[in-house]
Protein backbone atom coordinates (compact mmCIF):
# COMPACT_ATOMS: atom_id res chain seq x y z
CA MET A 1 2.83 34.62 6.79
CA LYS A 2 4.60 31.14 7.19
CA ALA A 3 3.00 28.01 6.15
CA ILE A 4 2.67 25.52 8.92
CA ALA A 5 2.61 21.58 8.41
CA TRP A 6 2.47 18.71 10.32
CA THR A 7 5.25 15.96 9.71
CA ASP A 8 5.30 13.03 12.01
CA GLY A 9 3.19 14.33 14.68
CA VAL A 10 5.40 17.60 14.89
CA MET A 11 4.56 20.98 13.75
CA ALA A 12 6.85 22.50 11.38
CA GLU A 13 7.05 26.20 10.25
CA ASP A 14 9.64 25.69 7.42
CA PRO A 15 8.43 24.13 4.36
CA VAL A 16 8.40 20.57 4.08
CA PRO A 17 8.06 18.10 1.09
CA LEU A 18 4.41 16.88 0.70
CA SER A 19 5.54 13.37 0.49
CA GLU A 20 6.70 13.66 4.08
CA THR A 21 3.57 15.16 4.98
CA LEU A 22 1.48 12.82 3.47
CA THR A 23 3.72 9.58 4.82
CA GLY A 24 2.88 11.35 8.22
CA VAL A 25 -0.78 11.34 7.77
CA VAL A 26 -0.68 7.45 6.59
CA ARG A 27 1.30 6.63 9.67
CA ALA A 28 -1.21 8.57 12.06
CA LEU A 29 -4.09 6.52 10.49
CA ARG A 30 -2.81 3.22 11.26
CA ASP A 31 -4.46 1.15 13.92
CA GLU A 32 -1.13 0.19 15.67
CA PRO A 33 0.71 2.01 18.22
CA SER A 34 3.61 4.54 16.90
CA ALA A 35 6.17 2.10 18.12
CA ASP A 36 5.33 0.29 14.43
CA ALA A 37 5.56 3.50 12.68
CA GLU A 38 8.77 2.66 10.78
CA ARG A 39 6.75 -0.47 9.51
CA ALA A 40 4.26 1.95 7.89
CA PRO A 41 4.22 2.00 4.10
CA THR A 42 5.24 5.45 2.89
CA ALA A 43 2.53 7.64 0.94
CA ALA A 44 4.56 6.79 -2.34
CA ALA A 45 4.20 3.16 -1.68
CA MET A 46 0.40 3.55 -0.72
CA GLY A 47 -0.20 5.53 -3.97
CA GLY A 48 1.71 3.22 -6.17
CA VAL A 49 -0.02 0.21 -4.86
CA PHE A 50 -3.56 1.80 -5.00
CA GLY A 51 -3.10 4.19 -7.86
CA ARG A 52 -1.30 1.81 -10.16
CA TRP A 53 -2.74 -1.50 -9.56
CA GLU A 54 -3.89 -2.31 -12.70
CA GLU A 55 -0.58 -1.30 -14.33
CA ALA A 56 1.16 -3.43 -12.02
CA VAL A 57 -0.60 -6.60 -12.09
CA GLY A 58 -2.25 -6.21 -15.34
CA ALA A 59 -6.01 -5.77 -16.44
CA ALA A 60 -6.90 -9.65 -16.46
CA VAL A 61 -6.00 -9.77 -12.68
CA ALA A 62 -7.09 -6.66 -11.64
CA ARG A 63 -10.71 -7.70 -12.95
CA HIS A 64 -10.71 -10.02 -10.18
CA VAL A 65 -8.05 -9.04 -7.28
CA GLN A 66 -8.12 -5.67 -5.71
CA PRO A 67 -5.77 -4.41 -2.92
CA VAL A 68 -7.55 -3.80 0.24
CA LYS A 69 -4.71 -2.71 2.73
CA LEU A 70 -0.94 -2.09 2.67
CA ASP A 71 0.26 -3.14 6.38
CA GLY A 72 4.08 -2.58 6.40
CA ASN A 73 5.44 -4.92 3.78
CA ARG A 74 2.06 -7.01 3.98
CA LEU A 75 -0.50 -6.62 1.34
CA ILE A 76 -3.88 -7.60 1.81
CA VAL A 77 -5.97 -8.42 -1.33
CA GLU A 78 -9.71 -9.28 -2.08
CA VAL A 79 -10.35 -11.67 -4.88
CA ASP A 80 -14.02 -12.29 -6.29
CA ASP A 81 -13.83 -16.11 -6.64
CA PRO A 82 -12.03 -18.72 -4.49
CA ALA A 83 -10.24 -19.85 -7.98
CA TRP A 84 -8.40 -16.53 -7.82
CA ALA A 85 -6.94 -17.15 -4.42
CA THR A 86 -5.40 -20.39 -5.90
CA GLN A 87 -4.08 -18.46 -8.88
CA LEU A 88 -2.50 -15.87 -6.64
CA ARG A 89 -0.19 -18.48 -4.71
CA PHE A 90 1.34 -19.03 -8.28
CA LEU A 91 1.45 -15.44 -9.15
CA GLU A 92 2.74 -14.19 -5.84
CA ASP A 93 6.43 -13.75 -6.66
CA THR A 94 5.46 -12.16 -10.12
CA LEU A 95 3.00 -9.81 -8.35
CA ARG A 96 5.59 -8.70 -5.73
CA SER A 97 8.26 -7.92 -8.09
CA ARG A 98 5.89 -6.06 -10.30
CA LEU A 99 4.84 -4.08 -7.54
CA ARG A 100 8.28 -3.17 -6.48
CA GLU A 101 9.11 -2.23 -10.35
CA VAL A 102 5.80 -0.16 -10.89
CA ALA A 103 4.57 0.94 -7.85
CA GLY A 104 7.92 1.25 -5.75
CA ALA A 105 6.41 -1.00 -3.06
CA GLU A 106 8.27 -3.62 -1.22
CA VAL A 107 5.61 -6.40 -0.48
CA ASP A 108 6.75 -9.54 1.47
CA THR A 109 3.61 -11.19 1.88
CA ILE A 110 0.37 -10.92 -0.06
CA ASP A 111 -2.77 -12.10 2.06
CA VAL A 112 -5.87 -13.34 0.02
CA ARG A 113 -9.27 -13.04 1.15
CA VAL A 114 -12.59 -13.92 -0.76
CA SER A 115 -15.15 -11.66 -1.43
CA ARG A 116 -18.38 -12.57 0.12
CA GLY A 117 -20.58 -10.96 -2.59
């Protein structure tokens, strides 16, 4: 019996790498039309940003700043205090570099939201 997998919305009967399948799922879950599919982050980038966040940004930053959404090359983060929003402006270049090195994610822009709670 052959395994069947979905890759980019197409059923494939031959084995496909799990990373391709997960990337297809990530793209399918996006709110935007499929015309923007090439902007969708890969599963590896998503896993790197959300799974290795503390390693990439450090424990002190991770206590106050959490990733919310990776939209193409734009990362949306939430901070627990307005002072951290200001701090992130100074740290943005360093954070983008660390996310590239540690998480394998190319982030061009970091948008900051302040938590209400």
